[in-house]
PDB file of all heavy atoms in Angstrom:
ATOM      1  N   TYR A   1    -131.599 -20.311  31.412  1.00  0.00           N
ATOM      2  CA  TYR A   1    -131.733 -19.926  32.711  1.00  0.00           C
ATOM      3  C   TYR A   1    -133.138 -20.238  33.382  1.00  0.00           C
ATOM      4  O   TYR A   1    -133.207 -20.846  34.473  1.00  0.00           O
ATOM      5  CB  TYR A   1    -131.401 -18.528  32.927  1.00  0.00           C
ATOM      6  CG  TYR A   1    -131.779 -17.862  34.265  1.00  0.00           C
ATOM      7  CD1 TYR A   1    -130.798 -18.013  35.331  1.00  0.00           C
ATOM      8  CD2 TYR A   1    -132.957 -17.161  34.643  1.00  0.00           C
ATOM      9  CE1 TYR A   1    -131.061 -17.430  36.694  1.00  0.00           C
ATOM     10  CE2 TYR A   1    -133.109 -16.554  35.797  1.00  0.00           C
ATOM     11  CZ  TYR A   1    -132.290 -16.774  36.837  1.00  0.00           C
ATOM     12  OH  TYR A   1    -132.422 -16.289  38.082  1.00  0.00           O
ATOM     13  N   GLY A   2    -134.145 -19.964  32.632  1.00  0.00           N
ATOM     14  CA  GLY A   2    -135.487 -20.211  32.994  1.00  0.00           C
ATOM     15  C   GLY A   2    -135.686 -21.772  33.190  1.00  0.00           C
ATOM     16  O   GLY A   2    -136.320 -22.211  34.116  1.00  0.00           O
ATOM     17  N   ARG A   3    -135.111 -22.544  32.192  1.00  0.00           N
ATOM     18  CA  ARG A   3    -135.390 -23.972  32.370  1.00  0.00           C
ATOM     19  C   ARG A   3    -134.568 -24.555  33.528  1.00  0.00           C
ATOM     20  O   ARG A   3    -135.040 -25.428  34.305  1.00  0.00           O
ATOM     21  CB  ARG A   3    -134.773 -24.706  31.050  1.00  0.00           C
ATOM     22  CG  ARG A   3    -135.656 -24.391  29.863  1.00  0.00           C
ATOM     23  CD  ARG A   3    -135.279 -25.296  28.674  1.00  0.00           C
ATOM     24  NE  ARG A   3    -133.972 -25.131  28.237  1.00  0.00           N
ATOM     25  CZ  ARG A   3    -133.591 -24.194  27.298  1.00  0.00           C
ATOM     26  NH1 ARG A   3    -134.567 -23.463  26.758  1.00  0.00           N
ATOM     27  NH2 ARG A   3    -132.315 -24.058  26.911  1.00  0.00           N
ATOM     28  N   GLU A   4    -133.377 -23.988  33.774  1.00  0.00           N
ATOM     29  CA  GLU A   4    -132.615 -24.477  34.998  1.00  0.00           C
ATOM     30  C   GLU A   4    -133.091 -24.095  36.354  1.00  0.00           C
ATOM     31  O   GLU A   4    -133.075 -24.861  37.253  1.00  0.00           O
ATOM     32  CB  GLU A   4    -131.155 -23.893  34.831  1.00  0.00           C
ATOM     33  CG  GLU A   4    -130.145 -24.262  35.920  1.00  0.00           C
ATOM     34  CD  GLU A   4    -128.835 -23.589  35.793  1.00  0.00           C
ATOM     35  OE1 GLU A   4    -128.564 -22.963  34.724  1.00  0.00           O
ATOM     36  OE2 GLU A   4    -128.053 -23.525  36.879  1.00  0.00           O
ATOM     37  N   THR A   5    -133.614 -22.974  36.374  1.00  0.00           N
ATOM     38  CA  THR A   5    -134.008 -22.294  37.763  1.00  0.00           C
ATOM     39  C   THR A   5    -135.539 -22.390  38.029  1.00  0.00           C
ATOM     40  O   THR A   5    -135.955 -22.230  39.203  1.00  0.00           O
ATOM     41  CB  THR A   5    -133.544 -20.831  37.937  1.00  0.00           C
ATOM     42  OG1 THR A   5    -134.200 -20.116  37.004  1.00  0.00           O
ATOM     43  CG2 THR A   5    -131.988 -20.797  37.832  1.00  0.00           C
ATOM     44  N   GLY A   6    -136.358 -22.408  36.978  1.00  0.00           N
ATOM     45  CA  GLY A   6    -137.735 -22.402  37.096  1.00  0.00           C
ATOM     46  C   GLY A   6    -138.313 -20.969  37.074  1.00  0.00           C
ATOM     47  O   GLY A   6    -139.410 -20.738  37.331  1.00  0.00           O
ATOM     48  N   ALA A   7    -137.245 -19.960  37.135  1.00  0.00           N
ATOM     49  CA  ALA A   7    -137.820 -18.593  37.114  1.00  0.00           C
ATOM     50  C   ALA A   7    -138.432 -18.230  35.786  1.00  0.00           C
ATOM     51  O   ALA A   7    -138.087 -18.663  34.678  1.00  0.00           O
ATOM     52  CB  ALA A   7    -136.443 -17.703  37.339  1.00  0.00           C
ATOM     53  N   PRO A   8    -139.580 -17.449  35.835  1.00  0.00           N
ATOM     54  CA  PRO A   8    -140.275 -17.134  34.664  1.00  0.00           C
ATOM     55  C   PRO A   8    -139.265 -16.150  33.877  1.00  0.00           C
ATOM     56  O   PRO A   8    -138.690 -15.226  34.356  1.00  0.00           O
ATOM     57  CB  PRO A   8    -141.511 -16.300  35.258  1.00  0.00           C
ATOM     58  CG  PRO A   8    -141.627 -16.811  36.662  1.00  0.00           C
ATOM     59  CD  PRO A   8    -140.289 -17.090  37.146  1.00  0.00           C
ATOM     60  N   VAL A   9    -139.363 -16.382  32.582  1.00  0.00           N
ATOM     61  CA  VAL A   9    -138.579 -15.513  31.574  1.00  0.00           C
ATOM     62  C   VAL A   9    -139.417 -15.035  30.562  1.00  0.00           C
ATOM     63  O   VAL A   9    -140.123 -15.743  29.962  1.00  0.00           O
ATOM     64  CB  VAL A   9    -137.408 -16.450  31.051  1.00  0.00           C
ATOM     65  CG1 VAL A   9    -136.655 -15.737  29.830  1.00  0.00           C
ATOM     66  CG2 VAL A   9    -136.305 -16.860  32.091  1.00  0.00           C
ATOM     67  N   TYR A  10    -139.275 -13.734  30.319  1.00  0.00           N
ATOM     68  CA  TYR A  10    -140.009 -13.031  29.288  1.00  0.00           C
ATOM     69  C   TYR A  10    -139.101 -12.284  28.377  1.00  0.00           C
ATOM     70  O   TYR A  10    -138.379 -11.349  28.731  1.00  0.00           O
ATOM     71  CB  TYR A  10    -141.041 -12.028  29.871  1.00  0.00           C
ATOM     72  CG  TYR A  10    -141.974 -12.583  31.021  1.00  0.00           C
ATOM     73  CD1 TYR A  10    -141.606 -12.626  32.377  1.00  0.00           C
ATOM     74  CD2 TYR A  10    -143.003 -13.237  30.718  1.00  0.00           C
ATOM     75  CE1 TYR A  10    -142.292 -13.170  33.407  1.00  0.00           C
ATOM     76  CE2 TYR A  10    -143.845 -13.907  31.624  1.00  0.00           C
ATOM     77  CZ  TYR A  10    -143.554 -13.836  32.930  1.00  0.00           C
ATOM     78  OH  TYR A  10    -144.310 -14.388  33.869  1.00  0.00           O
ATOM     79  N   VAL A  11    -138.946 -12.747  27.131  1.00  0.00           N
ATOM     80  CA  VAL A  11    -138.225 -12.155  26.102  1.00  0.00           C
ATOM     81  C   VAL A  11    -139.070 -11.300  25.069  1.00  0.00           C
ATOM     82  O   VAL A  11    -139.932 -11.902  24.412  1.00  0.00           O
ATOM     83  CB  VAL A  11    -137.322 -13.265  25.340  1.00  0.00           C
ATOM     84  CG1 VAL A  11    -136.497 -12.666  24.300  1.00  0.00           C
ATOM     85  CG2 VAL A  11    -136.525 -14.004  26.365  1.00  0.00           C
ATOM     86  N   TYR A  12    -138.683 -10.114  24.991  1.00  0.00           N
ATOM     87  CA  TYR A  12    -139.300  -9.182  24.062  1.00  0.00           C
ATOM     88  C   TYR A  12    -138.343  -8.826  22.936  1.00  0.00           C
ATOM     89  O   TYR A  12    -137.207  -8.180  23.131  1.00  0.00           O
ATOM     90  CB  TYR A  12    -139.700  -7.869  24.787  1.00  0.00           C
ATOM     91  CG  TYR A  12    -140.966  -7.952  25.656  1.00  0.00           C
ATOM     92  CD1 TYR A  12    -140.785  -8.702  26.874  1.00  0.00           C
ATOM     93  CD2 TYR A  12    -142.227  -7.553  25.325  1.00  0.00           C
ATOM     94  CE1 TYR A  12    -141.840  -8.833  27.834  1.00  0.00           C
ATOM     95  CE2 TYR A  12    -143.251  -7.667  26.101  1.00  0.00           C
ATOM     96  CZ  TYR A  12    -143.096  -8.221  27.447  1.00  0.00           C
ATOM     97  OH  TYR A  12    -144.239  -8.373  28.234  1.00  0.00           O
ATOM     98  N   ARG A  13    -138.792  -9.146  21.702  1.00  0.00           N
ATOM     99  CA  ARG A  13    -138.079  -8.703  20.483  1.00  0.00           C
ATOM    100  C   ARG A  13    -138.625  -7.323  19.992  1.00  0.00           C
ATOM    101  O   ARG A  13    -139.484  -7.345  19.163  1.00  0.00           O
ATOM    102  CB  ARG A  13    -138.133  -9.851  19.478  1.00  0.00           C
ATOM    103  CG  ARG A  13    -137.263 -11.027  19.731  1.00  0.00           C
ATOM    104  CD  ARG A  13    -137.360 -11.986  18.558  1.00  0.00           C
ATOM    105  NE  ARG A  13    -136.317 -13.056  18.756  1.00  0.00           N
ATOM    106  CZ  ARG A  13    -136.187 -14.110  17.913  1.00  0.00           C
ATOM    107  NH1 ARG A  13    -137.075 -14.283  17.014  1.00  0.00           N
ATOM    108  NH2 ARG A  13    -135.225 -14.923  18.067  1.00  0.00           N
ATOM    109  N   PHE A  14    -138.064  -6.226  20.483  1.00  0.00           N
ATOM    110  CA  PHE A  14    -138.655  -4.978  20.194  1.00  0.00           C
ATOM    111  C   PHE A  14    -138.210  -4.673  18.770  1.00  0.00           C
ATOM    112  O   PHE A  14    -137.134  -4.827  18.180  1.00  0.00           O
ATOM    113  CB  PHE A  14    -138.161  -3.883  21.033  1.00  0.00           C
ATOM    114  CG  PHE A  14    -138.656  -4.002  22.487  1.00  0.00           C
ATOM    115  CD1 PHE A  14    -137.782  -3.948  23.557  1.00  0.00           C
ATOM    116  CD2 PHE A  14    -140.062  -4.216  22.752  1.00  0.00           C
ATOM    117  CE1 PHE A  14    -138.210  -4.122  24.819  1.00  0.00           C
ATOM    118  CE2 PHE A  14    -140.568  -4.360  24.134  1.00  0.00           C
ATOM    119  CZ  PHE A  14    -139.755  -4.275  25.053  1.00  0.00           C
ATOM    120  N   PRO A  15    -139.203  -3.931  17.958  1.00  0.00           N
ATOM    121  CA  PRO A  15    -138.809  -3.312  16.575  1.00  0.00           C
ATOM    122  C   PRO A  15    -138.047  -2.004  16.986  1.00  0.00           C
ATOM    123  O   PRO A  15    -137.569  -1.730  18.116  1.00  0.00           O
ATOM    124  CB  PRO A  15    -140.123  -3.070  16.019  1.00  0.00           C
ATOM    125  CG  PRO A  15    -140.977  -2.826  17.247  1.00  0.00           C
ATOM    126  CD  PRO A  15    -140.572  -3.666  18.302  1.00  0.00           C
ATOM    127  N   ASN A  16    -138.008  -1.073  15.936  1.00  0.00           N
ATOM    128  CA  ASN A  16    -137.438   0.178  16.229  1.00  0.00           C
ATOM    129  C   ASN A  16    -138.192   0.938  17.253  1.00  0.00           C
ATOM    130  O   ASN A  16    -139.463   0.960  17.226  1.00  0.00           O
ATOM    131  CB  ASN A  16    -137.474   0.950  14.907  1.00  0.00           C
ATOM    132  CG  ASN A  16    -136.670   0.469  13.778  1.00  0.00           C
ATOM    133  OD1 ASN A  16    -135.400   0.453  13.760  1.00  0.00           O
ATOM    134  ND2 ASN A  16    -137.243  -0.208  12.750  1.00  0.00           N
ATOM    135  N   LEU A  17    -137.506   1.457  18.194  1.00  0.00           N
ATOM    136  CA  LEU A  17    -138.091   2.181  19.277  1.00  0.00           C
ATOM    137  C   LEU A  17    -138.130   3.697  18.934  1.00  0.00           C
ATOM    138  O   LEU A  17    -137.306   4.203  18.311  1.00  0.00           O
ATOM    139  CB  LEU A  17    -137.323   1.983  20.676  1.00  0.00           C
ATOM    140  CG  LEU A  17    -137.288   0.565  20.995  1.00  0.00           C
ATOM    141  CD1 LEU A  17    -136.603   0.411  22.407  1.00  0.00           C
ATOM    142  CD2 LEU A  17    -138.699  -0.136  21.182  1.00  0.00           C
ATOM    143  N   MET A  18    -139.216   4.321  19.481  1.00  0.00           N
ATOM    144  CA  MET A  18    -139.412   5.757  19.324  1.00  0.00           C
ATOM    145  C   MET A  18    -139.636   6.416  20.480  1.00  0.00           C
ATOM    146  O   MET A  18    -140.624   6.359  21.197  1.00  0.00           O
ATOM    147  CB  MET A  18    -140.713   5.779  18.403  1.00  0.00           C
ATOM    148  CG  MET A  18    -141.301   7.173  18.085  1.00  0.00           C
ATOM    149  SD  MET A  18    -142.691   7.005  17.016  1.00  0.00           S
ATOM    150  CE  MET A  18    -143.463   8.504  17.369  1.00  0.00           C
ATOM    151  N   GLY A  19    -138.699   7.180  20.901  1.00  0.00           N
ATOM    152  CA  GLY A  19    -138.662   7.965  22.197  1.00  0.00           C
ATOM    153  C   GLY A  19    -137.529   8.971  22.171  1.00  0.00           C
ATOM    154  O   GLY A  19    -136.748   9.014  21.216  1.00  0.00           O
ATOM    155  N   HIS A  20    -137.445   9.626  23.212  1.00  0.00           N
ATOM    156  CA  HIS A  20    -136.443  10.871  23.228  1.00  0.00           C
ATOM    157  C   HIS A  20    -135.024  10.111  23.535  1.00  0.00           C
ATOM    158  O   HIS A  20    -134.785   9.572  24.500  1.00  0.00           O
ATOM    159  CB  HIS A  20    -136.752  11.793  24.294  1.00  0.00           C
ATOM    160  CG  HIS A  20    -135.811  13.063  24.214  1.00  0.00           C
ATOM    161  ND1 HIS A  20    -136.151  14.157  23.481  1.00  0.00           N
ATOM    162  CD2 HIS A  20    -134.551  13.303  24.714  1.00  0.00           C
ATOM    163  CE1 HIS A  20    -135.217  15.073  23.594  1.00  0.00           C
ATOM    164  NE2 HIS A  20    -134.137  14.518  24.243  1.00  0.00           N
ATOM    165  N   SER A  21    -134.232  10.280  22.485  1.00  0.00           N
ATOM    166  CA  SER A  21    -132.865   9.678  22.512  1.00  0.00           C
ATOM    167  C   SER A  21    -131.857  10.675  21.870  1.00  0.00           C
ATOM    168  O   SER A  21    -132.327  11.608  21.235  1.00  0.00           O
ATOM    169  CB  SER A  21    -132.849   8.250  21.968  1.00  0.00           C
ATOM    170  OG  SER A  21    -133.130   8.254  20.662  1.00  0.00           O
ATOM    171  N   ARG A  22    -130.653  10.334  21.981  1.00  0.00           N
ATOM    172  CA  ARG A  22    -129.557  11.120  21.353  1.00  0.00           C
ATOM    173  C   ARG A  22    -129.682  11.075  19.874  1.00  0.00           C
ATOM    174  O   ARG A  22    -129.803  10.067  19.210  1.00  0.00           O
ATOM    175  CB  ARG A  22    -128.183  10.673  21.776  1.00  0.00           C
ATOM    176  CG  ARG A  22    -127.104  11.481  21.259  1.00  0.00           C
ATOM    177  CD  ARG A  22    -125.721  10.997  21.669  1.00  0.00           C
ATOM    178  NE  ARG A  22    -125.658   9.745  22.334  1.00  0.00           N
ATOM    179  CZ  ARG A  22    -124.624   8.895  22.269  1.00  0.00           C
ATOM    180  NH1 ARG A  22    -123.642   9.072  21.470  1.00  0.00           N
ATOM    181  NH2 ARG A  22    -124.527   7.779  23.020  1.00  0.00           N
ATOM    182  N   PRO A  23    -129.802  12.340  19.142  1.00  0.00           N
ATOM    183  CA  PRO A  23    -129.886  12.298  17.715  1.00  0.00           C
ATOM    184  C   PRO A  23    -128.555  11.906  17.054  1.00  0.00           C
ATOM    185  O   PRO A  23    -127.440  11.777  17.739  1.00  0.00           O
ATOM    186  CB  PRO A  23    -130.114  13.733  17.353  1.00  0.00           C
ATOM    187  CG  PRO A  23    -129.600  14.521  18.509  1.00  0.00           C
ATOM    188  CD  PRO A  23    -129.830  13.704  19.690  1.00  0.00           C
ATOM    189  N   ASN A  24    -128.652  11.449  15.814  1.00  0.00           N
ATOM    190  CA  ASN A  24    -127.432  11.085  14.960  1.00  0.00           C
ATOM    191  C   ASN A  24    -126.899   9.897  15.740  1.00  0.00           C
ATOM    192  O   ASN A  24    -125.555   9.694  15.656  1.00  0.00           O
ATOM    193  CB  ASN A  24    -126.432  12.291  14.877  1.00  0.00           C
ATOM    194  CG  ASN A  24    -127.158  13.375  14.017  1.00  0.00           C
ATOM    195  OD1 ASN A  24    -127.592  13.095  12.982  1.00  0.00           O
ATOM    196  ND2 ASN A  24    -127.027  14.602  14.570  1.00  0.00           N
ATOM    197  N   TYR A  25    -127.590   9.024  16.343  1.00  0.00           N
ATOM    198  CA  TYR A  25    -127.014   7.914  17.074  1.00  0.00           C
ATOM    199  C   TYR A  25    -127.587   6.551  16.486  1.00  0.00           C
ATOM    200  O   TYR A  25    -127.085   6.013  15.563  1.00  0.00           O
ATOM    201  CB  TYR A  25    -127.222   7.905  18.592  1.00  0.00           C
ATOM    202  CG  TYR A  25    -126.526   6.937  19.330  1.00  0.00           C
ATOM    203  CD1 TYR A  25    -125.164   6.655  19.258  1.00  0.00           C
ATOM    204  CD2 TYR A  25    -127.359   6.066  20.188  1.00  0.00           C
ATOM    205  CE1 TYR A  25    -124.603   5.619  20.034  1.00  0.00           C
ATOM    206  CE2 TYR A  25    -126.686   5.097  21.055  1.00  0.00           C
ATOM    207  CZ  TYR A  25    -125.307   4.801  20.823  1.00  0.00           C
ATOM    208  OH  TYR A  25    -124.775   3.807  21.632  1.00  0.00           O
ATOM    209  N   ASN A  26    -128.733   6.115  17.056  1.00  0.00           N
ATOM    210  CA  ASN A  26    -129.301   4.903  16.426  1.00  0.00           C
ATOM    211  C   ASN A  26    -130.782   4.885  16.220  1.00  0.00           C
ATOM    212  O   ASN A  26    -131.415   3.935  16.030  1.00  0.00           O
ATOM    213  CB  ASN A  26    -129.019   3.752  17.331  1.00  0.00           C
ATOM    214  CG  ASN A  26    -129.735   3.864  18.747  1.00  0.00           C
ATOM    215  OD1 ASN A  26    -130.116   4.992  19.193  1.00  0.00           O
ATOM    216  ND2 ASN A  26    -129.980   2.637  19.427  1.00  0.00           N
ATOM    217  N   SER A  27    -131.369   6.148  16.083  1.00  0.00           N
ATOM    218  CA  SER A  27    -132.726   6.286  15.833  1.00  0.00           C
ATOM    219  C   SER A  27    -133.027   7.442  14.742  1.00  0.00           C
ATOM    220  O   SER A  27    -132.685   8.481  14.935  1.00  0.00           O
ATOM    221  CB  SER A  27    -133.560   6.835  17.119  1.00  0.00           C
ATOM    222  OG  SER A  27    -134.849   7.087  16.770  1.00  0.00           O
ATOM    223  N   ALA A  28    -133.445   6.986  13.615  1.00  0.00           N
ATOM    224  CA  ALA A  28    -133.841   7.918  12.472  1.00  0.00           C
ATOM    225  C   ALA A  28    -134.819   8.925  12.926  1.00  0.00           C
ATOM    226  O   ALA A  28    -134.702  10.077  12.621  1.00  0.00           O
ATOM    227  CB  ALA A  28    -134.166   7.101  11.244  1.00  0.00           C
ATOM    228  N   VAL A  29    -135.815   8.419  13.673  1.00  0.00           N
ATOM    229  CA  VAL A  29    -137.003   9.323  14.070  1.00  0.00           C
ATOM    230  C   VAL A  29    -136.368  10.394  14.978  1.00  0.00           C
ATOM    231  O   VAL A  29    -136.762  11.636  14.765  1.00  0.00           O
ATOM    232  CB  VAL A  29    -138.097   8.554  14.799  1.00  0.00           C
ATOM    233  CG1 VAL A  29    -139.228   9.403  15.107  1.00  0.00           C
ATOM    234  CG2 VAL A  29    -138.577   7.409  13.737  1.00  0.00           C
ATOM    235  N   SER A  30    -135.625  10.023  16.011  1.00  0.00           N
ATOM    236  CA  SER A  30    -135.064  10.958  16.881  1.00  0.00           C
ATOM    237  C   SER A  30    -134.137  11.987  16.118  1.00  0.00           C
ATOM    238  O   SER A  30    -134.224  13.253  16.275  1.00  0.00           O
ATOM    239  CB  SER A  30    -134.152  10.441  17.924  1.00  0.00           C
ATOM    240  OG  SER A  30    -135.086   9.685  18.823  1.00  0.00           O
ATOM    241  N   THR A  31    -133.483  11.640  15.061  1.00  0.00           N
ATOM    242  CA  THR A  31    -132.566  12.407  14.339  1.00  0.00           C
ATOM    243  C   THR A  31    -133.384  13.351  13.616  1.00  0.00           C
ATOM    244  O   THR A  31    -133.029  14.552  13.476  1.00  0.00           O
ATOM    245  CB  THR A  31    -131.645  11.644  13.466  1.00  0.00           C
ATOM    246  OG1 THR A  31    -130.750  10.829  14.207  1.00  0.00           O
ATOM    247  CG2 THR A  31    -130.810  12.476  12.630  1.00  0.00           C
ATOM    248  N   PHE A  32    -134.414  12.921  12.816  1.00  0.00           N
ATOM    249  CA  PHE A  32    -135.265  13.754  12.065  1.00  0.00           C
ATOM    250  C   PHE A  32    -135.977  14.857  12.938  1.00  0.00           C
ATOM    251  O   PHE A  32    -136.144  16.009  12.633  1.00  0.00           O
ATOM    252  CB  PHE A  32    -136.357  12.963  11.303  1.00  0.00           C
ATOM    253  CG  PHE A  32    -135.709  12.227  10.108  1.00  0.00           C
ATOM    254  CD1 PHE A  32    -136.287  10.933   9.832  1.00  0.00           C
ATOM    255  CD2 PHE A  32    -134.609  12.601   9.528  1.00  0.00           C
ATOM    256  CE1 PHE A  32    -135.694  10.118   8.765  1.00  0.00           C
ATOM    257  CE2 PHE A  32    -134.084  11.837   8.425  1.00  0.00           C
ATOM    258  CZ  PHE A  32    -134.625  10.619   8.062  1.00  0.00           C
TER     259      PHE A  32
END
């Protein structure tokens, strides 16, 4: 899309995220 339109594109490959989220879902830290 960026090559086609010239719009700036920023892709972030995040590691495991640590924030308040639903426990027993997809975050071990939140669950603990």
